[in-house]
Amino acid sequence: MLSIFRQYTFDDSFEQSFISNKFLKEYQIALTYATDYDENNIPTNGIFSPNWNTSKVTPETIIDLKNKNSEVNIKVYISIGNSGTNFPFYPQNNKTWILNATESLTNIIKNYKDCNLQIDGIDVLYECIKTSPVDFVECIGQLIKNLKENRVIKEASISPSFALNKEYYFLLYKSYSSLIDWVDYQFQNEVVPVFAPNKLMEVYDDLVMEFYPRKKLFAGYSAENEDWATLSPIVFFLGGMNILKKRKGPGISIHYHNYYQLNSNNE
């Protein structure tokens, strides 16, 4: 069983990960997050900047990881948005947001490419959206289209969760399905807690029946302590393994606890 594993990370904790071609056909690093807010938390209308630890996540650290694990395909994503209610999706003007977002993300990706590191794609993970579904679809869909048509990225994923899935993310997927390669559903945000592995598989089956094709649908999870009340690590591990084995899901993802981010916030 060869699968895809995605790690959302703010720092260089991916250096400690066990990567084996016996289990993985692909390992994705999703850098968290690029946001379009300034240092005073004011929206910049699509001018994105990295919020991950750029002193620890460098082209050199990722290239070194690739060299050490050459038998596994390692890809790098930039995740735009944020978990929780901070830095919501809130464009001031759709046309300007699209132009600014396309240019700013292109510049971030180009800077990595100039250092001989290819950024493979972007991931869209907003847990708070302060605009209409139509505006969300227009902005995000056109951004993905621009980046792909300009050959800035090769892949794009969206990461919905329960509250925003049907009204926002599924509408986006229906409108731009040919440009969206993966859907990384965030199970830790279910309204009703998931206490059994079989329940996790039931939710996954419902998503396949109602919304997204199985071949694109990841099972996503957050290992942050505050998310355990909704979905514990052992339930996700058992349920996630069953999704990979029995449901033939393409992969899983995990948000690991970011110690560097915690320490920097406490300084």
C-alpha atoms as a PDB file:
ATOM      1  CA  MET A   1       0.000   0.000   0.000  1.00  0.00           C
ATOM      2  CA  LEU A   2       1.810   3.074  -1.276  1.00  0.00           C
ATOM      3  CA  SER A   3       0.124   6.338  -0.340  1.00  0.00           C
ATOM      4  CA  ILE A   4       0.608  10.088  -0.192  1.00  0.00           C
ATOM      5  CA  PHE A   5       1.395  11.712   3.137  1.00  0.00           C
ATOM      6  CA  ARG A   6       1.131  15.460   3.661  1.00  0.00           C
ATOM      7  CA  GLN A   7       2.636  17.268   6.630  1.00  0.00           C
ATOM      8  CA  TYR A   8       1.469  20.785   7.409  1.00  0.00           C
ATOM      9  CA  THR A   9       4.302  22.576   9.115  1.00  0.00           C
ATOM     10  CA  PHE A  10       5.476  26.003  10.212  1.00  0.00           C
ATOM     11  CA  ASP A  11       9.050  24.901  10.860  1.00  0.00           C
ATOM     12  CA  ASP A  12      11.646  22.315   9.857  1.00  0.00           C
ATOM     13  CA  SER A  13      10.089  19.440  11.813  1.00  0.00           C
ATOM     14  CA  PHE A  14       9.868  17.516   8.542  1.00  0.00           C
ATOM     15  CA  GLU A  15      13.568  16.768   9.043  1.00  0.00           C
ATOM     16  CA  GLN A  16      12.538  14.389  11.846  1.00  0.00           C
ATOM     17  CA  SER A  17       9.969  12.507   9.769  1.00  0.00           C
ATOM     18  CA  PHE A  18      10.354   8.868   8.783  1.00  0.00           C
ATOM     19  CA  ILE A  19      10.094   8.686   5.001  1.00  0.00           C
ATOM     20  CA  SER A  20      10.138   5.241   3.410  1.00  0.00           C
ATOM     21  CA  ASN A  21       9.343   4.060  -0.087  1.00  0.00           C
ATOM     22  CA  LYS A  22       7.913   0.921   1.487  1.00  0.00           C
ATOM     23  CA  PHE A  23       4.879   2.944   2.559  1.00  0.00           C
ATOM     24  CA  LEU A  24       4.951   6.189   0.607  1.00  0.00           C
ATOM     25  CA  LYS A  25       4.896   7.051  -3.048  1.00  0.00           C
ATOM     26  CA  GLU A  26       4.825  10.777  -2.256  1.00  0.00           C
ATOM     27  CA  TYR A  27       5.570  13.038   0.706  1.00  0.00           C
ATOM     28  CA  GLN A  28       4.123  16.551   0.654  1.00  0.00           C
ATOM     29  CA  ILE A  29       5.337  19.436   2.806  1.00  0.00           C
ATOM     30  CA  ALA A  30       2.639  22.111   3.167  1.00  0.00           C
ATOM     31  CA  LEU A  31       4.085  25.331   4.566  1.00  0.00           C
ATOM     32  CA  THR A  32       1.736  27.180   6.928  1.00  0.00           C
ATOM     33  CA  TYR A  33       0.724  29.802   6.095  1.00  0.00           C
ATOM     34  CA  ALA A  34       0.937  32.522   3.501  1.00  0.00           C
ATOM     35  CA  THR A  35      -1.460  35.286   4.559  1.00  0.00           C
ATOM     36  CA  ASP A  36      -2.549  38.603   3.063  1.00  0.00           C
ATOM     37  CA  TYR A  37      -2.410  40.627   6.268  1.00  0.00           C
ATOM     38  CA  ASP A  38       0.190  43.145   7.404  1.00  0.00           C
ATOM     39  CA  GLU A  39       2.069  43.313  10.720  1.00  0.00           C
ATOM     40  CA  ASN A  40      -0.943  45.078  12.281  1.00  0.00           C
ATOM     41  CA  ASN A  41      -3.310  42.305  11.130  1.00  0.00           C
ATOM     42  CA  ILE A  42      -4.918  44.571   8.537  1.00  0.00           C
ATOM     43  CA  PRO A  43      -5.961  42.926   5.228  1.00  0.00           C
ATOM     44  CA  THR A  44      -3.649  43.697   2.299  1.00  0.00           C
ATOM     45  CA  ASN A  45      -6.179  42.612  -0.337  1.00  0.00           C
ATOM     46  CA  GLY A  46      -4.205  39.725  -1.788  1.00  0.00           C
ATOM     47  CA  ILE A  47      -0.606  40.733  -1.086  1.00  0.00           C
ATOM     48  CA  PHE A  48       0.614  37.491   0.491  1.00  0.00           C
ATOM     49  CA  SER A  49       3.690  36.993   2.623  1.00  0.00           C
ATOM     50  CA  PRO A  50       5.053  33.883   4.365  1.00  0.00           C
ATOM     51  CA  ASN A  51       4.210  33.293   8.024  1.00  0.00           C
ATOM     52  CA  TRP A  52       6.258  30.116   8.374  1.00  0.00           C
ATOM     53  CA  ASN A  53       9.705  30.261   9.964  1.00  0.00           C
ATOM     54  CA  THR A  54      11.833  31.265   6.986  1.00  0.00           C
ATOM     55  CA  SER A  55      15.045  30.937   8.994  1.00  0.00           C
ATOM     56  CA  LYS A  56      14.347  27.226   9.561  1.00  0.00           C
ATOM     57  CA  VAL A  57      12.415  26.384   6.404  1.00  0.00           C
ATOM     58  CA  THR A  58      14.988  27.184   3.755  1.00  0.00           C
ATOM     59  CA  PRO A  59      15.543  25.865   0.236  1.00  0.00           C
ATOM     60  CA  GLU A  60      18.649  24.150   1.570  1.00  0.00           C
ATOM     61  CA  THR A  61      16.790  22.209   4.290  1.00  0.00           C
ATOM     62  CA  ILE A  62      14.176  20.946   1.821  1.00  0.00           C
ATOM     63  CA  ILE A  63      16.713  20.124  -0.893  1.00  0.00           C
ATOM     64  CA  ASP A  64      18.738  18.214   1.712  1.00  0.00           C
ATOM     65  CA  LEU A  65      15.600  16.273   2.682  1.00  0.00           C
ATOM     66  CA  LYS A  66      14.990  15.424  -0.979  1.00  0.00           C
ATOM     67  CA  ASN A  67      18.561  14.251  -1.436  1.00  0.00           C
ATOM     68  CA  LYS A  68      18.356  11.999   1.628  1.00  0.00           C
ATOM     69  CA  ASN A  69      15.066  10.470   0.473  1.00  0.00           C
ATOM     70  CA  SER A  70      15.523  10.275  -3.278  1.00  0.00           C
ATOM     71  CA  GLU A  71      13.382   7.113  -3.582  1.00  0.00           C
ATOM     72  CA  VAL A  72      10.239   9.000  -2.481  1.00  0.00           C
ATOM     73  CA  ASN A  73       8.759  11.845  -4.510  1.00  0.00           C
ATOM     74  CA  ILE A  74       8.872  14.920  -2.224  1.00  0.00           C
ATOM     75  CA  LYS A  75       6.722  17.932  -3.122  1.00  0.00           C
ATOM     76  CA  VAL A  76       6.335  21.341  -1.517  1.00  0.00           C
ATOM     77  CA  TYR A  77       3.080  23.274  -1.204  1.00  0.00           C
ATOM     78  CA  ILE A  78       2.348  26.744   0.085  1.00  0.00           C
ATOM     79  CA  SER A  79      -0.835  26.734   2.148  1.00  0.00           C
ATOM     80  CA  ILE A  80      -2.737  30.015   1.987  1.00  0.00           C
ATOM     81  CA  GLY A  81      -5.230  30.970   4.689  1.00  0.00           C
ATOM     82  CA  ASN A  82      -5.173  29.995   8.350  1.00  0.00           C
ATOM     83  CA  SER A  83      -6.660  27.607  10.854  1.00  0.00           C
ATOM     84  CA  GLY A  84      -9.089  29.185  13.311  1.00  0.00           C
ATOM     85  CA  THR A  85     -10.613  32.639  12.998  1.00  0.00           C
ATOM     86  CA  ASN A  86      -7.440  34.703  12.587  1.00  0.00           C
ATOM     87  CA  PHE A  87      -6.652  36.019   9.094  1.00  0.00           C
ATOM     88  CA  PRO A  88     -10.000  35.166   7.465  1.00  0.00           C
ATOM     89  CA  PHE A  89     -10.603  35.270   3.728  1.00  0.00           C
ATOM     90  CA  TYR A  90     -11.731  38.873   3.309  1.00  0.00           C
ATOM     91  CA  PRO A  91     -11.000  40.486  -0.096  1.00  0.00           C
ATOM     92  CA  GLN A  92     -11.620  44.211  -0.334  1.00  0.00           C
ATOM     93  CA  ASN A  93     -12.044  44.061  -4.108  1.00  0.00           C
ATOM     94  CA  ASN A  94     -12.193  40.850  -6.119  1.00  0.00           C
ATOM     95  CA  LYS A  95     -10.346  42.016  -9.229  1.00  0.00           C
ATOM     96  CA  THR A  96      -7.559  43.658  -7.253  1.00  0.00           C
ATOM     97  CA  TRP A  97      -7.308  40.706  -4.859  1.00  0.00           C
ATOM     98  CA  ILE A  98      -6.837  38.296  -7.767  1.00  0.00           C
ATOM     99  CA  LEU A  99      -4.143  40.460  -9.354  1.00  0.00           C
ATOM    100  CA  ASN A 100      -2.310  41.009  -6.053  1.00  0.00           C
ATOM    101  CA  ALA A 101      -2.550  37.360  -5.000  1.00  0.00           C
ATOM    102  CA  THR A 102      -1.289  36.113  -8.356  1.00  0.00           C
ATOM    103  CA  GLU A 103       1.669  38.499  -8.321  1.00  0.00           C
ATOM    104  CA  SER A 104       2.647  38.089  -4.661  1.00  0.00           C
ATOM    105  CA  LEU A 105       2.458  34.276  -4.643  1.00  0.00           C
ATOM    106  CA  THR A 106       4.349  34.163  -7.934  1.00  0.00           C
ATOM    107  CA  ASN A 107       7.099  36.245  -6.334  1.00  0.00           C
ATOM    108  CA  ILE A 108       7.286  33.998  -3.257  1.00  0.00           C
ATOM    109  CA  ILE A 109       7.496  30.887  -5.433  1.00  0.00           C
ATOM    110  CA  LYS A 110      10.018  32.490  -7.797  1.00  0.00           C
ATOM    111  CA  ASN A 111      12.294  33.347  -4.869  1.00  0.00           C
ATOM    112  CA  TYR A 112      12.435  29.661  -3.934  1.00  0.00           C
ATOM    113  CA  LYS A 113      12.993  28.675  -7.565  1.00  0.00           C
ATOM    114  CA  ASP A 114      15.918  31.096  -7.777  1.00  0.00           C
ATOM    115  CA  CYS A 115      17.451  29.030  -4.966  1.00  0.00           C
ATOM    116  CA  ASN A 116      16.944  25.832  -6.992  1.00  0.00           C
ATOM    117  CA  LEU A 117      13.828  24.706  -5.119  1.00  0.00           C
ATOM    118  CA  GLN A 118      10.620  24.107  -7.042  1.00  0.00           C
ATOM    119  CA  ILE A 119       7.367  24.875  -5.219  1.00  0.00           C
ATOM    120  CA  ASP A 120       4.949  22.331  -6.654  1.00  0.00           C
ATOM    121  CA  GLY A 121       1.610  23.798  -5.662  1.00  0.00           C
ATOM    122  CA  ILE A 122      -0.650  25.794  -3.391  1.00  0.00           C
ATOM    123  CA  ASP A 123      -3.180  24.596  -0.866  1.00  0.00           C
ATOM    124  CA  VAL A 124      -6.244  26.640   0.109  1.00  0.00           C
ATOM    125  CA  LEU A 125      -7.113  26.288   3.797  1.00  0.00           C
ATOM    126  CA  TYR A 126      -9.399  28.965   5.174  1.00  0.00           C
ATOM    127  CA  GLU A 127     -11.436  28.064   8.247  1.00  0.00           C
ATOM    128  CA  CYS A 128     -13.021  31.521   8.385  1.00  0.00           C
ATOM    129  CA  ILE A 129     -14.459  33.275   5.332  1.00  0.00           C
ATOM    130  CA  LYS A 130     -15.977  36.767   5.474  1.00  0.00           C
ATOM    131  CA  THR A 131     -17.380  37.054   1.980  1.00  0.00           C
ATOM    132  CA  SER A 132     -20.020  35.423  -0.185  1.00  0.00           C
ATOM    133  CA  PRO A 133     -19.557  31.966  -1.735  1.00  0.00           C
ATOM    134  CA  VAL A 134     -19.642  33.570  -5.186  1.00  0.00           C
ATOM    135  CA  ASP A 135     -16.779  35.930  -4.318  1.00  0.00           C
ATOM    136  CA  PHE A 136     -14.781  33.102  -2.733  1.00  0.00           C
ATOM    137  CA  VAL A 137     -15.143  30.961  -5.849  1.00  0.00           C
ATOM    138  CA  GLU A 138     -14.253  33.816  -8.186  1.00  0.00           C
ATOM    139  CA  CYS A 139     -11.141  34.868  -6.273  1.00  0.00           C
ATOM    140  CA  ILE A 140      -9.691  31.480  -5.391  1.00  0.00           C
ATOM    141  CA  GLY A 141     -10.667  29.822  -8.643  1.00  0.00           C
ATOM    142  CA  GLN A 142      -9.136  32.552 -10.778  1.00  0.00           C
ATOM    143  CA  LEU A 143      -5.998  32.589  -8.625  1.00  0.00           C
ATOM    144  CA  ILE A 144      -5.466  28.861  -9.159  1.00  0.00           C
ATOM    145  CA  LYS A 145      -6.174  29.250 -12.868  1.00  0.00           C
ATOM    146  CA  ASN A 146      -3.688  32.111 -13.221  1.00  0.00           C
ATOM    147  CA  LEU A 147      -0.904  30.287 -11.372  1.00  0.00           C
ATOM    148  CA  LYS A 148      -1.408  27.128 -13.409  1.00  0.00           C
ATOM    149  CA  GLU A 149      -1.722  28.856 -16.759  1.00  0.00           C
ATOM    150  CA  ASN A 150       1.420  30.881 -15.997  1.00  0.00           C
ATOM    151  CA  ARG A 151       3.179  27.613 -15.058  1.00  0.00           C
ATOM    152  CA  VAL A 152       4.004  28.935 -11.617  1.00  0.00           C
ATOM    153  CA  ILE A 153       2.551  25.788 -10.013  1.00  0.00           C
ATOM    154  CA  LYS A 154       1.722  22.304 -11.244  1.00  0.00           C
ATOM    155  CA  GLU A 155      -0.801  21.310  -8.583  1.00  0.00           C
ATOM    156  CA  ALA A 156      -3.502  22.823  -6.381  1.00  0.00           C
ATOM    157  CA  SER A 157      -5.465  21.487  -3.448  1.00  0.00           C
ATOM    158  CA  ILE A 158      -8.333  22.709  -1.303  1.00  0.00           C
ATOM    159  CA  SER A 159      -8.783  21.823   2.363  1.00  0.00           C
ATOM    160  CA  PRO A 160     -12.428  22.112   3.384  1.00  0.00           C
ATOM    161  CA  SER A 161     -13.998  21.352   6.741  1.00  0.00           C
ATOM    162  CA  PHE A 162     -17.587  20.743   7.794  1.00  0.00           C
ATOM    163  CA  ALA A 163     -18.829  24.298   8.363  1.00  0.00           C
ATOM    164  CA  LEU A 164     -17.660  25.676   5.005  1.00  0.00           C
ATOM    165  CA  ASN A 165     -17.654  22.591   2.843  1.00  0.00           C
ATOM    166  CA  LYS A 166     -20.990  22.569   1.034  1.00  0.00           C
ATOM    167  CA  GLU A 167     -21.548  26.304   0.653  1.00  0.00           C
ATOM    168  CA  TYR A 168     -18.012  27.381  -0.210  1.00  0.00           C
ATOM    169  CA  TYR A 169     -15.509  24.644  -1.013  1.00  0.00           C
ATOM    170  CA  PHE A 170     -17.780  22.298  -2.949  1.00  0.00           C
ATOM    171  CA  LEU A 171     -19.021  25.220  -5.033  1.00  0.00           C
ATOM    172  CA  LEU A 172     -15.365  26.060  -5.751  1.00  0.00           C
ATOM    173  CA  TYR A 173     -14.632  22.449  -6.657  1.00  0.00           C
ATOM    174  CA  LYS A 174     -17.633  22.190  -8.989  1.00  0.00           C
ATOM    175  CA  SER A 175     -16.567  25.344 -10.792  1.00  0.00           C
ATOM    176  CA  TYR A 176     -12.850  24.471 -11.100  1.00  0.00           C
ATOM    177  CA  SER A 177     -12.648  20.686 -10.709  1.00  0.00           C
ATOM    178  CA  SER A 178     -10.241  20.267 -13.626  1.00  0.00           C
ATOM    179  CA  LEU A 179      -7.716  22.568 -11.910  1.00  0.00           C
ATOM    180  CA  ILE A 180      -7.997  21.094  -8.397  1.00  0.00           C
ATOM    181  CA  ASP A 181      -5.800  18.031  -7.966  1.00  0.00           C
ATOM    182  CA  TRP A 182      -6.494  17.146  -4.324  1.00  0.00           C
ATOM    183  CA  VAL A 183      -9.150  17.716  -1.669  1.00  0.00           C
ATOM    184  CA  ASP A 184      -7.742  17.462   1.864  1.00  0.00           C
ATOM    185  CA  TYR A 185     -10.807  17.261   4.111  1.00  0.00           C
ATOM    186  CA  GLN A 186     -10.107  18.380   7.698  1.00  0.00           C
ATOM    187  CA  PHE A 187     -11.816  15.841   9.942  1.00  0.00           C
ATOM    188  CA  GLN A 188     -10.838  17.564  13.203  1.00  0.00           C
ATOM    189  CA  ASN A 189     -13.460  20.236  12.518  1.00  0.00           C
ATOM    190  CA  GLU A 190     -16.516  17.986  12.511  1.00  0.00           C
ATOM    191  CA  VAL A 191     -19.485  19.377  14.480  1.00  0.00           C
ATOM    192  CA  VAL A 192     -20.234  15.981  16.004  1.00  0.00           C
ATOM    193  CA  PRO A 193     -17.169  14.352  17.614  1.00  0.00           C
ATOM    194  CA  VAL A 194     -15.805  11.248  15.883  1.00  0.00           C
ATOM    195  CA  PHE A 195     -15.291   8.626  18.573  1.00  0.00           C
ATOM    196  CA  ALA A 196     -14.832   5.479  16.458  1.00  0.00           C
ATOM    197  CA  PRO A 197     -12.755   4.572  13.384  1.00  0.00           C
ATOM    198  CA  ASN A 198     -15.874   3.246  11.621  1.00  0.00           C
ATOM    199  CA  LYS A 199     -17.540   6.643  12.023  1.00  0.00           C
ATOM    200  CA  LEU A 200     -14.567   8.289  10.343  1.00  0.00           C
ATOM    201  CA  MET A 201     -14.973   5.919   7.413  1.00  0.00           C
ATOM    202  CA  GLU A 202     -18.703   6.686   7.257  1.00  0.00           C
ATOM    203  CA  VAL A 203     -18.024  10.412   6.991  1.00  0.00           C
ATOM    204  CA  TYR A 204     -15.422   9.725   4.299  1.00  0.00           C
ATOM    205  CA  ASP A 205     -17.914   7.574   2.358  1.00  0.00           C
ATOM    206  CA  ASP A 206     -20.538  10.329   2.585  1.00  0.00           C
ATOM    207  CA  LEU A 207     -18.069  12.862   1.214  1.00  0.00           C
ATOM    208  CA  VAL A 208     -17.352  10.568  -1.743  1.00  0.00           C
ATOM    209  CA  MET A 209     -21.048  10.020  -2.415  1.00  0.00           C
ATOM    210  CA  GLU A 210     -22.053  13.690  -2.162  1.00  0.00           C
ATOM    211  CA  PHE A 211     -19.071  15.850  -2.990  1.00  0.00           C
ATOM    212  CA  TYR A 212     -15.623  14.719  -4.123  1.00  0.00           C
ATOM    213  CA  PRO A 213     -14.125  11.848  -6.139  1.00  0.00           C
ATOM    214  CA  ARG A 214     -12.374   9.218  -4.061  1.00  0.00           C
ATOM    215  CA  LYS A 215      -9.217   9.428  -6.191  1.00  0.00           C
ATOM    216  CA  LYS A 216      -8.654  13.020  -5.009  1.00  0.00           C
ATOM    217  CA  LEU A 217      -9.914  12.877  -1.405  1.00  0.00           C
ATOM    218  CA  PHE A 218      -7.384  12.921   1.454  1.00  0.00           C
ATOM    219  CA  ALA A 219      -8.256  12.318   5.089  1.00  0.00           C
ATOM    220  CA  GLY A 220      -6.882  15.305   7.005  1.00  0.00           C
ATOM    221  CA  TYR A 221      -6.225  15.664  10.725  1.00  0.00           C
ATOM    222  CA  SER A 222      -4.784  18.072  13.272  1.00  0.00           C
ATOM    223  CA  ALA A 223      -2.603  16.686  16.071  1.00  0.00           C
ATOM    224  CA  GLU A 224      -3.010  19.871  18.117  1.00  0.00           C
ATOM    225  CA  ASN A 225      -4.182  19.066  21.648  1.00  0.00           C
ATOM    226  CA  GLU A 226      -7.305  21.223  21.410  1.00  0.00           C
ATOM    227  CA  ASP A 227      -8.560  19.130  18.486  1.00  0.00           C
ATOM    228  CA  TRP A 228      -8.455  15.823  20.373  1.00  0.00           C
ATOM    229  CA  ALA A 229     -11.928  16.380  21.843  1.00  0.00           C
ATOM    230  CA  THR A 230     -13.369  16.075  18.347  1.00  0.00           C
ATOM    231  CA  LEU A 231     -11.069  13.381  16.985  1.00  0.00           C
ATOM    232  CA  SER A 232      -8.401  11.577  18.983  1.00  0.00           C
ATOM    233  CA  PRO A 233      -5.084  10.505  17.421  1.00  0.00           C
ATOM    234  CA  ILE A 234      -5.797   6.782  17.845  1.00  0.00           C
ATOM    235  CA  VAL A 235      -9.218   7.045  16.195  1.00  0.00           C
ATOM    236  CA  PHE A 236      -7.745   8.945  13.261  1.00  0.00           C
ATOM    237  CA  PHE A 237      -4.826   6.530  12.941  1.00  0.00           C
ATOM    238  CA  LEU A 238      -7.072   3.464  12.850  1.00  0.00           C
ATOM    239  CA  GLY A 239      -9.742   5.103  10.709  1.00  0.00           C
ATOM    240  CA  GLY A 240      -7.182   6.666   8.399  1.00  0.00           C
ATOM    241  CA  MET A 241      -5.439   3.337   7.821  1.00  0.00           C
ATOM    242  CA  ASN A 242      -8.799   1.787   6.948  1.00  0.00           C
ATOM    243  CA  ILE A 243      -9.538   4.627   4.522  1.00  0.00           C
ATOM    244  CA  LEU A 244      -6.225   3.948   2.783  1.00  0.00           C
ATOM    245  CA  LYS A 245      -6.613   0.157   2.768  1.00  0.00           C
ATOM    246  CA  LYS A 246     -10.336  -0.501   2.456  1.00  0.00           C
ATOM    247  CA  ARG A 247     -11.544   2.659   0.744  1.00  0.00           C
ATOM    248  CA  LYS A 248      -8.473   3.092  -1.449  1.00  0.00           C
ATOM    249  CA  GLY A 249      -8.085   6.734  -0.456  1.00  0.00           C
ATOM    250  CA  PRO A 250      -5.022   8.393  -2.026  1.00  0.00           C
ATOM    251  CA  GLY A 251      -3.508   9.801   1.158  1.00  0.00           C
ATOM    252  CA  ILE A 252      -3.727  11.422   4.571  1.00  0.00           C
ATOM    253  CA  SER A 253      -2.431  14.651   6.101  1.00  0.00           C
ATOM    254  CA  ILE A 254      -1.522  15.798   9.589  1.00  0.00           C
ATOM    255  CA  HIS A 255      -0.968  19.196  11.187  1.00  0.00           C
ATOM    256  CA  TYR A 256       1.821  18.631  13.690  1.00  0.00           C
ATOM    257  CA  HIS A 257       2.296  20.731  16.807  1.00  0.00           C
ATOM    258  CA  ASN A 258       4.638  23.615  15.953  1.00  0.00           C
ATOM    259  CA  TYR A 259       6.970  24.074  18.907  1.00  0.00           C
ATOM    260  CA  TYR A 260       8.963  26.821  17.219  1.00  0.00           C
ATOM    261  CA  GLN A 261       5.812  28.803  16.545  1.00  0.00           C
ATOM    262  CA  LEU A 262       4.636  28.353  20.137  1.00  0.00           C
ATOM    263  CA  ASN A 263       7.982  29.520  21.505  1.00  0.00           C
ATOM    264  CA  SER A 264       8.157  32.532  19.227  1.00  0.00           C
ATOM    265  CA  ASN A 265       4.639  33.563  20.219  1.00  0.00           C
ATOM    266  CA  ASN A 266       5.561  33.379  23.882  1.00  0.00           C
ATOM    267  CA  GLU A 267       8.653  35.520  23.599  1.00  0.00           C
END
